[in-house]
Amino acid sequence: MAIHLNPYLNFRDSAREAMGFYQSVLGGELSVMTLGEFQMADDPAEADKVMHAQLETPTGLILQGADVPNSMGLTPGDNVSVSLHGDDNTELQRYWDGLTAGGTIIVPFEVAPWGDRFGMFVDRFGINWLVNGAPE
């Protein structure tokens, strides 16, 4: 069982282009899911926005990204999060419990619409985190 730690980049309507660019430079496999695929778009005009993209290279690099919905703010410099993801929910819960101490939970670590356990928080030092576990 593996757990990965990698950057997660947020964009305003350019995630698909940016992730394609990174793939052209770094190589690897790029997967892209849209807000519309998971009925996550509050505005039907945003259905084609990238909900989640992941680039994995043959050398083991992982880069993730998404488009931020128009209803959410996006500040350059504050558009990078640390993503912790893997298939060991017990270990991820332990990390969650420790890292959220003194921080602010944005989305509780629970089952998300796409079936995985997912949560978001800002730690006590102001760092944005995403935690994604295996389906229950």
Protein backbone atom coordinates (compact mmCIF):
# COMPACT_ATOMS: atom_id res chain seq x y z
CA MET A 1 0.00 0.00 0.00
CA ALA A 2 1.37 3.37 -1.02
CA ILE A 3 0.64 6.90 0.05
CA HIS A 4 1.82 9.79 -2.12
CA LEU A 5 2.55 13.43 -1.34
CA ASN A 6 2.52 15.86 -4.27
CA PRO A 7 1.60 19.39 -5.37
CA TYR A 8 -2.00 20.14 -6.39
CA LEU A 9 -2.39 23.17 -8.67
CA ASN A 10 -5.55 25.26 -9.03
CA PHE A 11 -6.39 27.23 -12.16
CA ARG A 12 -9.11 29.54 -13.45
CA ASP A 13 -10.33 27.87 -16.67
CA SER A 14 -6.89 26.73 -17.85
CA ALA A 15 -6.30 23.42 -16.03
CA ARG A 16 -6.72 21.27 -19.16
CA GLU A 17 -4.27 23.43 -21.14
CA ALA A 18 -1.76 23.64 -18.28
CA MET A 19 -1.82 19.93 -17.51
CA GLY A 20 -1.44 19.15 -21.24
CA PHE A 21 1.57 21.44 -21.34
CA TYR A 22 3.14 19.74 -18.31
CA GLN A 23 2.52 16.36 -19.95
CA SER A 24 4.23 17.55 -23.15
CA VAL A 25 7.33 18.44 -21.13
CA LEU A 26 7.37 15.73 -18.46
CA GLY A 27 5.75 12.88 -20.41
CA GLY A 28 3.53 10.32 -18.77
CA GLU A 29 -0.17 9.53 -18.57
CA LEU A 30 -2.70 12.31 -18.04
CA SER A 31 -6.21 11.59 -16.77
CA VAL A 32 -8.85 14.32 -16.68
CA MET A 33 -12.31 14.33 -15.06
CA THR A 34 -14.79 17.19 -15.45
CA LEU A 35 -17.28 18.72 -13.02
CA GLY A 36 -20.09 17.59 -15.33
CA GLU A 37 -19.06 13.93 -15.20
CA PHE A 38 -19.81 13.87 -11.46
CA GLN A 39 -22.70 16.37 -11.42
CA MET A 40 -20.51 18.74 -9.38
CA ALA A 41 -21.15 21.89 -11.46
CA ASP A 42 -23.48 24.36 -9.74
CA ASP A 43 -23.55 26.31 -13.01
CA PRO A 44 -24.21 24.19 -16.15
CA ALA A 45 -21.81 26.47 -18.05
CA GLU A 46 -19.00 25.08 -15.86
CA ALA A 47 -19.66 21.39 -16.63
CA ASP A 48 -16.54 21.13 -18.81
CA LYS A 49 -14.23 22.57 -16.16
CA VAL A 50 -11.61 20.15 -14.88
CA MET A 51 -12.68 18.71 -11.51
CA HIS A 52 -9.46 16.68 -11.22
CA ALA A 53 -6.49 15.99 -13.47
CA GLN A 54 -3.54 13.77 -12.66
CA LEU A 55 -0.28 13.41 -14.52
CA GLU A 56 1.90 10.41 -13.63
CA THR A 57 5.28 10.07 -15.31
CA PRO A 58 7.34 6.92 -15.84
CA THR A 59 9.91 8.32 -13.39
CA GLY A 60 7.33 8.53 -10.59
CA LEU A 61 6.44 12.22 -10.69
CA ILE A 62 2.82 13.02 -9.83
CA LEU A 63 1.22 16.39 -10.54
CA GLN A 64 -2.45 17.09 -9.94
CA GLY A 65 -4.66 20.04 -10.80
CA ALA A 66 -8.17 21.41 -11.25
CA ASP A 67 -10.18 24.43 -12.36
CA VAL A 68 -11.66 26.42 -9.49
CA PRO A 69 -15.40 27.10 -9.98
CA ASN A 70 -16.29 30.77 -10.56
CA SER A 71 -18.11 30.82 -7.20
CA MET A 72 -14.79 30.24 -5.39
CA GLY A 73 -11.94 32.69 -5.03
CA LEU A 74 -8.53 32.08 -6.54
CA THR A 75 -5.52 34.13 -5.51
CA PRO A 76 -2.25 33.68 -7.41
CA GLY A 77 0.31 32.33 -4.96
CA ASP A 78 -2.45 30.67 -2.95
CA ASN A 79 -3.36 28.28 -5.75
CA VAL A 80 -1.13 25.38 -4.69
CA SER A 81 -2.10 22.71 -2.17
CA VAL A 82 -0.33 19.66 -0.81
CA SER A 83 -2.14 16.46 -1.80
CA LEU A 84 -1.91 13.33 0.32
CA HIS A 85 -3.52 10.34 -1.38
CA GLY A 86 -3.38 6.59 -1.23
CA ASP A 87 -5.26 3.42 -0.43
CA ASP A 88 -4.56 3.08 3.31
CA ASN A 89 -7.50 4.93 4.87
CA THR A 90 -6.38 4.10 8.41
CA GLU A 91 -3.00 5.78 7.88
CA LEU A 92 -4.57 8.69 6.00
CA GLN A 93 -7.03 9.20 8.88
CA ARG A 94 -4.08 9.28 11.29
CA TYR A 95 -2.38 11.94 9.15
CA TRP A 96 -5.67 13.86 8.90
CA ASP A 97 -6.17 13.82 12.67
CA GLY A 98 -2.65 15.10 13.31
CA LEU A 99 -2.39 17.67 10.54
CA THR A 100 -5.80 19.28 11.17
CA ALA A 101 -4.97 19.99 14.84
CA GLY A 102 -5.15 23.76 15.25
CA GLY A 103 -6.17 24.20 11.62
CA THR A 104 -9.44 24.80 9.77
CA ILE A 105 -11.35 21.93 8.16
CA ILE A 106 -12.90 23.04 4.87
CA VAL A 107 -14.38 19.68 3.77
CA PRO A 108 -14.58 16.80 6.31
CA PHE A 109 -12.66 13.60 5.49
CA GLU A 110 -15.62 11.47 4.41
CA VAL A 111 -17.05 9.69 1.38
CA ALA A 112 -17.22 12.05 -1.62
CA PRO A 113 -19.63 11.87 -4.60
CA TRP A 114 -17.00 10.01 -6.65
CA GLY A 115 -16.80 7.26 -4.00
CA ASP A 116 -13.40 7.90 -2.39
CA ARG A 117 -12.86 9.37 1.05
CA PHE A 118 -11.89 13.01 0.60
CA GLY A 119 -11.26 16.08 2.73
CA MET A 120 -9.72 19.54 2.60
CA PHE A 121 -8.20 21.71 5.32
CA VAL A 122 -5.85 24.57 6.01
CA ASP A 123 -3.26 23.67 8.62
CA ARG A 124 -2.28 25.93 11.51
CA PHE A 125 0.53 27.37 9.38
CA GLY A 126 -1.81 28.42 6.53
CA ILE A 127 -0.94 25.56 4.15
CA ASN A 128 -3.79 24.12 2.04
CA TRP A 129 -4.11 20.32 2.13
CA LEU A 130 -6.18 17.74 0.21
CA VAL A 131 -6.52 14.17 1.47
CA ASN A 132 -7.96 11.47 -0.80
CA GLY A 133 -8.35 7.86 0.30
CA ALA A 134 -9.73 4.64 -1.11
CA PRO A 135 -13.44 3.89 -1.54
CA GLU A 136 -15.06 2.52 1.60
